């Protein structure tokens, strides 16, 4: 042990150890997040972080190569965890899809069948495309977000659209910001009978898995909103609420019983909101409605939008890192890497669409 310590160059070695600990810390955070996602609680929450780094440090002073081996072992465990999470997630989606077809009457039959088909397709792709599943999943996620991601469309547009003043807004796609004003009579929200302009109300059934963790399944989804005005310092404009999406609303009211959870999101007069839609004329009067070409018509609290924009760079970096990680894992599994006569040879195996080569 002492001989090994004497052979270590502490100048360069500590520098190497620092970077190894950075990678190991990232893996520990991923494992901790996965454990929490599975419904388990680590006490303290930094337990894996401390254990992983302590073991890495001790191994390093025995021999630096052991720390590299520890990193490889943890990386392999991360890959196994990712595979298990993927299988679990796809399996749960498949299970929820079947359950919704059988029990959920609030969602259209078309959407329920589509959910089931997509889940079954993901399972088939996982077992038939091998490591290419990771690359397919990344491409599929990008396409889904670009075409069908309603809230993503709203957030992308609000980041690039200039906020128009109501008095001078042009016809077409617009973004306006102001306070909500009532036009007709108010609605009565289901929970606490609150008077509001609009609400989104859901009822979820509560079940428990074999570990006793709660599972929620939507059995009722109701959204109502009367026409209203949105007002800034230059004037006000009417909003036709047909197809209006509530985006990034905080929970207004929620309570649970032994078998049901009731949740309410509400829009009240005087709320400071940001609205994206299409400005056109109705009886020669400006009005904002659903924009069909971009397929966007949403309203969100200004505070939520500002929070989203503030953390957007961090989210973008994280998403890019995860996508690059998934792509790298897929490529490592696809490629055949061998040592031939002291040279590293990288090639494609004969059966690249299989987990076993």
Protein backbone atom coordinates (compact mmCIF):
# COMPACT_ATOMS: atom_id res chain seq x y z
CA UNK A 1 0.00 0.00 0.00
CA UNK A 2 2.78 2.43 0.93
CA UNK A 3 4.74 1.47 -2.19
CA UNK A 4 1.69 2.23 -4.31
CA UNK A 5 1.29 5.62 -2.65
CA UNK A 6 4.92 6.44 -3.30
CA UNK A 7 4.54 5.65 -6.98
CA UNK A 8 1.60 8.07 -7.41
CA UNK A 9 2.37 11.45 -8.94
CA UNK A 10 0.08 13.57 -6.77
CA UNK A 11 0.27 16.54 -9.13
CA UNK A 12 -1.21 14.81 -12.17
CA UNK A 13 -3.04 12.09 -10.26
CA UNK A 14 -5.17 14.41 -8.15
CA UNK A 15 -6.11 16.23 -11.34
CA UNK A 16 -7.20 12.93 -12.92
CA UNK A 17 -9.05 11.93 -9.75
CA UNK A 18 -10.95 15.24 -9.82
CA UNK A 19 -12.34 14.56 -13.29
CA UNK A 20 -13.13 10.93 -12.48
CA UNK A 21 -15.12 12.10 -9.45
CA UNK A 22 -17.07 14.53 -11.65
CA UNK A 23 -18.25 11.67 -13.89
CA UNK A 24 -18.96 9.42 -10.92
CA UNK A 25 -20.97 12.22 -9.25
CA UNK A 26 -23.10 12.54 -12.38
CA UNK A 27 -23.79 8.81 -12.34
CA UNK A 28 -24.71 8.94 -8.65
CA UNK A 29 -27.22 11.73 -9.33
CA UNK A 30 -28.77 9.66 -12.13
CA UNK A 31 -29.06 6.59 -9.88
CA UNK A 32 -30.57 8.70 -7.07
CA UNK A 33 -33.13 10.21 -9.44
CA UNK A 34 -34.05 6.74 -10.70
CA UNK A 35 -34.54 5.44 -7.14
CA UNK A 36 -36.76 8.43 -6.29
CA UNK A 37 -38.66 7.96 -9.55
CA UNK A 38 -39.35 4.38 -8.51
CA UNK A 39 -41.06 5.71 -5.38
CA UNK A 40 -38.28 4.94 -2.92
CA UNK A 41 -36.65 7.52 -0.67
CA UNK A 42 -32.96 7.60 0.13
CA UNK A 43 -32.08 8.98 3.55
CA UNK A 44 -30.04 11.07 3.30
CA UNK A 45 -30.62 11.95 -0.36
CA UNK A 46 -26.87 12.30 -0.98
CA UNK A 47 -26.17 8.73 0.20
CA UNK A 48 -25.17 7.31 -3.22
CA UNK A 49 -23.14 10.43 -4.00
CA UNK A 50 -21.10 9.94 -0.84
CA UNK A 51 -20.67 6.16 -1.21
CA UNK A 52 -19.69 6.26 -4.91
CA UNK A 53 -17.11 9.01 -4.43
CA UNK A 54 -15.70 7.54 -1.22
CA UNK A 55 -15.16 4.15 -2.86
CA UNK A 56 -13.62 5.83 -5.93
CA UNK A 57 -11.19 7.83 -3.78
CA UNK A 58 -10.11 4.83 -1.72
CA UNK A 59 -9.59 2.71 -4.84
CA UNK A 60 -7.59 5.48 -6.46
CA UNK A 61 -5.02 5.49 -3.68
CA UNK A 62 -4.75 1.71 -3.91
CA UNK A 63 -4.28 1.94 -7.67
CA UNK A 64 -5.67 4.54 -10.12
CA UNK A 65 -6.71 1.79 -12.51
CA UNK A 66 -9.19 0.47 -9.93
CA UNK A 67 -11.01 3.81 -9.95
CA UNK A 68 -11.31 3.62 -13.72
CA UNK A 69 -12.73 0.12 -13.30
CA UNK A 70 -15.18 1.44 -10.70
CA UNK A 71 -16.29 4.12 -13.17
CA UNK A 72 -16.80 1.52 -15.90
CA UNK A 73 -18.80 -0.66 -13.49
CA UNK A 74 -21.05 2.28 -12.53
CA UNK A 75 -21.47 3.25 -16.18
CA UNK A 76 -22.52 -0.31 -16.98
CA UNK A 77 -24.98 -0.19 -14.09
CA UNK A 78 -26.31 3.07 -15.49
CA UNK A 79 -26.91 1.39 -18.82
CA UNK A 80 -28.73 -1.49 -17.12
CA UNK A 81 -30.83 1.03 -15.17
CA UNK A 82 -31.66 2.88 -18.40
CA UNK A 83 -32.75 -0.37 -20.05
CA UNK A 84 -34.91 -1.30 -17.05
CA UNK A 85 -36.42 2.20 -16.94
CA UNK A 86 -37.23 2.01 -20.64
CA UNK A 87 -38.85 -1.40 -20.31
CA UNK A 88 -40.75 -0.29 -17.21
CA UNK A 89 -41.91 2.94 -18.82
CA UNK A 90 -43.05 1.27 -22.03
CA UNK A 91 -44.70 -1.50 -20.04
CA UNK A 92 -46.57 0.96 -17.84
CA UNK A 93 -47.72 2.92 -20.89
CA UNK A 94 -48.96 -0.29 -22.45
CA UNK A 95 -50.75 -1.26 -19.23
CA UNK A 96 -52.29 2.22 -18.86
CA UNK A 97 -53.37 2.15 -22.51
CA UNK A 98 -55.20 -1.15 -22.05
CA UNK A 99 -56.72 0.09 -18.81
CA UNK A 100 -57.93 3.34 -20.39
CA UNK A 101 -59.57 1.46 -23.25
CA UNK A 102 -61.45 -0.64 -20.71
CA UNK A 103 -62.29 1.99 -18.06
CA UNK A 104 -61.68 5.57 -19.20
CA UNK A 105 -64.85 6.98 -20.77
CA UNK A 106 -63.76 10.63 -20.72
CA UNK A 107 -61.08 10.17 -23.41
CA UNK A 108 -62.06 9.54 -27.00
CA UNK A 109 -61.87 5.96 -28.25
CA UNK A 110 -59.53 7.11 -31.03
CA UNK A 111 -56.95 8.48 -28.55
CA UNK A 112 -57.18 5.42 -26.33
CA UNK A 113 -56.60 3.03 -29.24
CA UNK A 114 -53.74 5.21 -30.54
CA UNK A 115 -52.05 5.12 -27.12
CA UNK A 116 -52.27 1.34 -27.09
CA UNK A 117 -50.88 1.01 -30.64
CA UNK A 118 -47.94 3.34 -29.94
CA UNK A 119 -47.07 1.49 -26.73
CA UNK A 120 -47.19 -1.89 -28.47
CA UNK A 121 -45.06 -0.50 -31.31
CA UNK A 122 -42.42 0.71 -28.83
CA UNK A 123 -42.22 -2.74 -27.26
CA UNK A 124 -41.84 -4.38 -30.67
CA UNK A 125 -39.14 -1.90 -31.72
CA UNK A 126 -37.21 -2.51 -28.52
CA UNK A 127 -36.97 -6.25 -29.14
CA UNK A 128 -36.56 -6.13 -32.95
CA UNK A 129 -34.20 -3.20 -33.58
CA UNK A 130 -31.66 -3.91 -30.85
CA UNK A 131 -29.45 -0.95 -29.90
CA UNK A 132 -30.98 1.07 -32.74
CA UNK A 133 -33.98 1.50 -30.41
CA UNK A 134 -32.12 4.32 -28.60
CA UNK A 135 -31.55 6.22 -31.85
CA UNK A 136 -35.13 5.60 -33.01
CA UNK A 137 -36.44 6.81 -29.65
CA UNK A 138 -34.45 10.05 -29.90
CA UNK A 139 -35.65 10.75 -33.46
CA UNK A 140 -39.23 9.85 -32.51
CA UNK A 141 -39.16 12.19 -29.52
CA UNK A 142 -37.94 15.07 -31.68
CA UNK A 143 -40.65 14.46 -34.30
CA UNK A 144 -43.38 14.12 -31.68
CA UNK A 145 -42.33 17.35 -29.95
CA UNK A 146 -42.22 19.25 -33.24
CA UNK A 147 -45.56 18.05 -34.61
CA UNK A 148 -47.84 17.11 -31.70
CA UNK A 149 -46.33 18.82 -28.68
CA UNK A 150 -48.99 21.49 -28.02
CA UNK A 151 -47.39 23.03 -24.94
CA UNK A 152 -43.98 22.82 -26.63
CA UNK A 153 -45.35 24.77 -29.59
CA UNK A 154 -46.69 27.40 -27.22
CA UNK A 155 -43.38 27.72 -25.38
CA UNK A 156 -41.34 27.85 -28.58
CA UNK A 157 -43.58 30.52 -30.08
CA UNK A 158 -43.69 32.70 -26.97
CA UNK A 159 -39.88 32.69 -26.97
CA UNK A 160 -39.66 34.12 -30.52
CA UNK A 161 -42.88 36.11 -30.96
CA UNK A 162 -42.82 39.80 -30.01
CA UNK A 163 -45.49 40.76 -27.49
CA UNK A 164 -48.00 42.97 -29.31
CA UNK A 165 -49.88 45.87 -27.82
CA UNK A 166 -53.58 45.19 -28.17
CA UNK A 167 -54.42 48.52 -29.83
CA UNK A 168 -51.78 48.08 -32.54
CA UNK A 169 -51.74 44.29 -33.03
CA UNK A 170 -51.79 43.03 -36.62
CA UNK A 171 -54.13 40.36 -37.95
CA UNK A 172 -52.69 36.87 -37.83
CA UNK A 173 -50.62 35.01 -35.23
CA UNK A 174 -50.17 37.24 -32.17
CA UNK A 175 -48.89 37.17 -28.62
CA UNK A 176 -50.55 39.51 -26.14
CA UNK A 177 -50.08 39.99 -22.43
CA UNK A 178 -52.47 41.52 -19.94
CA UNK A 179 -55.12 41.03 -17.31
CA UNK A 180 -58.18 38.86 -17.84
CA UNK A 181 -61.56 40.60 -17.73
CA UNK A 182 -64.96 38.92 -17.63
CA UNK A 183 -67.30 39.28 -20.63
CA UNK A 184 -70.43 37.41 -19.61
CA UNK A 185 -71.47 35.66 -16.42
CA UNK A 186 -68.94 33.71 -14.42
CA UNK A 187 -68.69 29.95 -14.16
CA UNK A 188 -68.87 28.02 -10.89
CA UNK A 189 -65.86 25.75 -10.45
CA UNK A 190 -66.58 22.21 -9.15
CA UNK A 191 -64.33 22.43 -6.07
CA UNK A 192 -65.30 24.98 -3.40
CA UNK A 193 -67.87 26.44 -5.87
CA UNK A 194 -65.49 29.26 -6.75
CA UNK A 195 -66.62 31.82 -9.33
CA UNK A 196 -64.21 31.97 -12.25
CA UNK A 197 -63.95 32.60 -15.98
CA UNK A 198 -62.82 29.07 -16.79
CA UNK A 199 -61.59 25.87 -15.19
CA UNK A 200 -59.97 22.52 -15.94
CA UNK A 201 -61.21 19.75 -13.63
CA UNK A 202 -59.94 16.18 -13.41
CA UNK A 203 -60.85 13.13 -11.35
CA UNK A 204 -58.31 10.33 -10.98
CA UNK A 205 -58.80 6.90 -9.51
CA UNK A 206 -56.20 5.84 -6.94
CA UNK A 207 -54.78 2.36 -6.89
CA UNK A 208 -51.73 0.82 -5.30
CA UNK A 209 -49.10 -1.47 -6.74
CA UNK A 210 -47.57 -4.47 -4.98
CA UNK A 211 -45.14 -2.18 -3.14
CA UNK A 212 -47.95 0.01 -1.80
CA UNK A 213 -47.08 3.01 -4.02
CA UNK A 214 -50.01 5.03 -5.36
CA UNK A 215 -50.95 4.99 -9.03
CA UNK A 216 -53.31 7.52 -10.63
CA UNK A 217 -55.55 7.01 -13.65
CA UNK A 218 -57.76 9.76 -15.10
CA UNK A 219 -61.44 8.81 -15.20
CA UNK A 220 -62.92 12.27 -15.76
CA UNK A 221 -61.49 15.30 -17.59
CA UNK A 222 -63.59 18.44 -17.95
CA UNK A 223 -62.67 21.87 -19.29
CA UNK A 224 -64.98 24.88 -19.50
CA UNK A 225 -64.22 28.51 -20.23
CA UNK A 226 -66.49 31.44 -21.08
CA UNK A 227 -65.45 34.13 -23.50
CA UNK A 228 -63.42 36.88 -21.88
CA UNK A 229 -61.38 39.99 -22.60
CA UNK A 230 -57.66 40.41 -22.16
CA UNK A 231 -56.58 43.95 -21.36
CA UNK A 232 -53.28 45.84 -21.41
CA UNK A 233 -52.52 49.54 -21.01
CA UNK A 234 -53.56 50.25 -24.63
CA UNK A 235 -56.96 48.53 -24.72
CA UNK A 236 -58.73 45.18 -24.60
CA UNK A 237 -59.67 42.44 -27.06
CA UNK A 238 -62.18 39.60 -26.84
CA UNK A 239 -61.03 35.97 -26.75
CA UNK A 240 -63.08 33.14 -28.25
CA UNK A 241 -62.25 30.24 -25.94
CA UNK A 242 -63.10 27.37 -28.29
CA UNK A 243 -60.03 25.03 -28.35
CA UNK A 244 -58.20 27.20 -25.81
CA UNK A 245 -55.49 25.31 -23.90
CA UNK A 246 -54.60 26.02 -20.27
CA UNK A 247 -50.79 25.83 -20.13
CA UNK A 248 -48.52 25.81 -17.06
CA UNK A 249 -51.42 26.61 -14.70
CA UNK A 250 -50.72 25.99 -11.06
CA UNK A 251 -53.09 23.77 -9.07
CA UNK A 252 -55.96 25.88 -7.73
CA UNK A 253 -57.58 23.22 -5.53
CA UNK A 254 -56.91 19.56 -4.87
CA UNK A 255 -58.14 16.96 -2.41
CA UNK A 256 -58.22 13.18 -2.18
CA UNK A 257 -60.38 10.46 -0.77
CA UNK A 258 -59.45 6.84 -0.28
CA UNK A 259 -60.07 6.02 -3.95
CA UNK A 260 -60.23 9.34 -5.86
CA UNK A 261 -58.11 12.45 -6.37
CA UNK A 262 -59.82 15.67 -7.46
CA UNK A 263 -57.79 18.48 -9.07
CA UNK A 264 -58.86 21.90 -10.30
CA UNK A 265 -57.07 24.56 -12.37
CA UNK A 266 -58.88 27.88 -12.70
CA UNK A 267 -58.76 31.19 -14.57
CA UNK A 268 -59.91 34.18 -12.53
CA UNK A 269 -60.69 37.77 -13.40
CA UNK A 270 -57.64 39.99 -12.96
CA UNK A 271 -55.11 37.21 -13.54
CA UNK A 272 -52.01 38.38 -15.44
CA UNK A 273 -51.81 36.10 -18.47
CA UNK A 274 -49.96 35.61 -21.74
CA UNK A 275 -52.06 34.53 -24.74
CA UNK A 276 -51.04 33.22 -28.15
CA UNK A 277 -53.63 32.85 -30.91
CA UNK A 278 -54.90 34.27 -34.16
CA UNK A 279 -56.15 37.85 -34.34
CA UNK A 280 -58.96 38.32 -36.84
CA UNK A 281 -62.30 40.10 -37.18
CA UNK A 282 -65.74 39.05 -36.02
CA UNK A 283 -68.51 41.47 -37.06
CA UNK A 284 -65.75 44.02 -37.78
CA UNK A 285 -64.49 43.71 -34.21
CA UNK A 286 -61.02 42.31 -33.36
CA UNK A 287 -61.06 38.91 -31.67
CA UNK A 288 -58.45 36.26 -30.87
CA UNK A 289 -59.20 32.65 -31.79
CA UNK A 290 -57.48 29.33 -32.46
CA UNK A 291 -54.65 29.53 -35.01
CA UNK A 292 -55.19 26.60 -37.38
CA UNK A 293 -51.93 26.64 -39.39
CA UNK A 294 -49.63 26.55 -36.36
CA UNK A 295 -52.32 24.68 -34.42
CA UNK A 296 -51.76 26.78 -31.32
CA UNK A 297 -54.14 28.61 -29.00
CA UNK A 298 -53.01 28.77 -25.41
CA UNK A 299 -53.03 30.90 -22.31
CA UNK A 300 -50.48 30.74 -19.50
CA UNK A 301 -49.74 32.73 -16.32
CA UNK A 302 -47.05 35.35 -16.91
CA UNK A 303 -45.13 34.17 -13.82
CA UNK A 304 -45.01 30.60 -15.16
CA UNK A 305 -43.81 31.78 -18.57
CA UNK A 306 -41.06 33.90 -17.02
CA UNK A 307 -39.96 30.93 -14.90
CA UNK A 308 -39.91 28.68 -17.97
CA UNK A 309 -37.76 31.17 -19.90
CA UNK A 310 -35.37 31.63 -16.98
CA UNK A 311 -34.59 27.90 -16.77
CA UNK A 312 -34.74 27.21 -20.51
CA UNK A 313 -30.93 27.18 -21.06
CA UNK A 314 -30.49 24.61 -18.28
CA UNK A 315 -33.27 22.40 -19.66
CA UNK A 316 -31.89 22.63 -23.19
CA UNK A 317 -28.43 21.61 -22.03
CA UNK A 318 -29.85 18.67 -20.05
CA UNK A 319 -31.98 17.45 -22.96
CA UNK A 320 -29.02 17.75 -25.35
CA UNK A 321 -26.83 15.81 -22.90
CA UNK A 322 -29.42 13.02 -22.52
CA UNK A 323 -29.92 12.78 -26.29
CA UNK A 324 -26.16 12.64 -26.88
CA UNK A 325 -25.83 10.03 -24.12
CA UNK A 326 -28.57 7.87 -25.68
CA UNK A 327 -27.02 8.21 -29.13
CA UNK A 328 -23.55 7.36 -27.77
CA UNK A 329 -24.88 4.30 -25.92
CA UNK A 330 -26.63 3.12 -29.08
CA UNK A 331 -23.51 3.56 -31.20
CA UNK A 332 -21.29 1.78 -28.63
CA UNK A 333 -23.67 -1.19 -28.63
CA UNK A 334 -23.98 -1.23 -32.43
CA UNK A 335 -20.28 -1.03 -33.28
CA UNK A 336 -17.92 -3.95 -32.94
CA UNK A 337 -14.63 -2.87 -31.33
CA UNK A 338 -11.73 -5.32 -31.41
CA UNK A 339 -7.97 -5.28 -30.97
CA UNK A 340 -6.10 -6.75 -33.93
CA UNK A 341 -2.28 -6.82 -33.91
CA UNK A 342 -2.11 -3.99 -31.41
CA UNK A 343 -4.59 -1.84 -33.36
CA UNK A 344 -8.17 -0.92 -32.41
CA UNK A 345 -10.54 -1.94 -35.23
CA UNK A 346 -14.07 -0.51 -35.29
CA UNK A 347 -16.63 -2.14 -37.60
CA UNK A 348 -20.30 -2.95 -38.02
CA UNK A 349 -21.28 -6.51 -37.03
CA UNK A 350 -23.26 -8.67 -39.41
CA UNK A 351 -26.45 -8.54 -37.36
CA UNK A 352 -26.77 -4.93 -36.19
CA UNK A 353 -30.48 -5.21 -35.36
CA UNK A 354 -29.99 -7.60 -32.47
CA UNK A 355 -29.00 -7.34 -28.81
CA UNK A 356 -26.65 -10.32 -29.32
CA UNK A 357 -23.99 -10.22 -32.00
